[in-house]
Amino acid sequence: MLARFTDHPHSVGETYAEHAAAASGFGLTLIAAGLACLLHAAFPWLFEDFASRKVRALHARMTSRRAPLAWTGYVGDGLGV
């Protein structure tokens, strides 16, 4: 049962705590971007590129953090992400 908490973090070269911190940061950033999108929907002059900048930054951060495939043996989740 404990392996369920560590299998994925180890597959991306992180400890459980490192993965929890990174995932929490991503989640909070996505919530902020989502709120900015909702405000932008009502007030188009607000947050014109905030969400897209955050998504690009998160993508760059995620792809740079991932451990090399040869090191982890991780083959992905089939989603192409």
Protein backbone atom coordinates (compact mmCIF):
# COMPACT_ATOMS: atom_id res chain seq x y z
CA MET A 1 0.00 0.00 0.00
CA LEU A 2 2.80 2.46 0.80
CA ALA A 3 4.24 1.95 -2.67
CA ARG A 4 1.20 3.75 -4.07
CA PHE A 5 2.50 6.92 -2.45
CA THR A 6 6.02 6.62 -3.84
CA ASP A 7 5.83 4.78 -7.19
CA HIS A 8 4.90 7.80 -9.30
CA PRO A 9 7.16 10.33 -7.51
CA HIS A 10 10.10 7.95 -7.92
CA SER A 11 9.21 7.42 -11.59
CA VAL A 12 9.80 11.14 -12.18
CA GLY A 13 12.93 11.28 -10.03
CA GLU A 14 11.40 12.84 -6.91
CA THR A 15 10.73 11.90 -3.31
CA TYR A 16 7.16 11.94 -2.04
CA ALA A 17 7.72 15.32 -0.32
CA GLU A 18 9.34 16.87 -3.40
CA HIS A 19 6.50 15.64 -5.58
CA ALA A 20 3.85 16.89 -3.13
CA ALA A 21 5.44 20.35 -3.05
CA ALA A 22 5.75 20.54 -6.84
CA ALA A 23 2.21 19.27 -7.46
CA SER A 24 0.79 21.69 -4.88
CA GLY A 25 2.60 24.58 -6.54
CA PHE A 26 1.25 23.56 -9.93
CA GLY A 27 -2.26 23.25 -8.52
CA LEU A 28 -2.22 26.66 -6.85
CA THR A 29 -0.87 28.26 -10.03
CA LEU A 30 -3.61 26.61 -12.09
CA ILE A 31 -6.28 27.82 -9.65
CA ALA A 32 -4.93 31.38 -9.94
CA ALA A 33 -4.89 31.09 -13.74
CA GLY A 34 -8.46 29.77 -13.71
CA LEU A 35 -9.67 32.63 -11.55
CA ALA A 36 -7.92 35.08 -13.87
CA CYS A 37 -9.72 33.47 -16.82
CA LEU A 38 -13.09 33.86 -15.10
CA LEU A 39 -12.39 37.51 -14.38
CA HIS A 40 -11.16 38.00 -17.94
CA ALA A 41 -14.41 36.51 -19.26
CA ALA A 42 -16.42 39.21 -17.47
CA PHE A 43 -13.89 42.03 -17.87
CA PRO A 44 -11.91 41.43 -21.08
CA TRP A 45 -9.36 44.14 -20.31
CA LEU A 46 -8.21 42.29 -17.18
CA PHE A 47 -5.63 39.49 -17.22
CA GLU A 48 -5.36 39.47 -21.03
CA ASP A 49 -2.43 37.05 -21.12
CA PHE A 50 -2.01 35.99 -17.48
CA ALA A 51 -3.35 32.44 -17.85
CA SER A 52 -1.51 31.66 -21.07
CA ARG A 53 1.78 32.91 -19.55
CA LYS A 54 1.23 30.74 -16.47
CA VAL A 55 0.41 27.64 -18.55
CA ARG A 56 3.54 28.15 -20.68
CA ALA A 57 5.66 28.61 -17.55
CA LEU A 58 4.18 25.50 -15.94
CA HIS A 59 4.84 23.47 -19.07
CA ALA A 60 8.46 24.60 -19.16
CA ARG A 61 8.84 23.82 -15.46
CA MET A 62 7.24 20.40 -15.77
CA THR A 63 9.27 19.29 -18.76
CA SER A 64 12.53 20.49 -17.20
CA ARG A 65 11.84 18.69 -13.88
CA ARG A 66 11.08 15.30 -15.37
CA ALA A 67 13.88 12.79 -14.92
CA PRO A 68 15.32 11.27 -18.10
CA LEU A 69 13.51 8.15 -19.34
CA ALA A 70 16.71 6.09 -19.35
CA TRP A 71 17.25 6.88 -15.66
CA THR A 72 13.74 6.13 -14.39
CA GLY A 73 12.35 3.64 -16.89
CA TYR A 74 9.16 5.74 -16.87
CA VAL A 75 7.18 5.35 -20.07
CA GLY A 76 4.38 7.79 -19.35
CA ASP A 77 0.67 7.51 -18.81
CA GLY A 78 -0.36 7.14 -22.44
CA LEU A 79 -1.70 10.67 -22.57
CA GLY A 80 1.31 12.18 -24.32
CA VAL A 81 1.95 14.50 -21.37
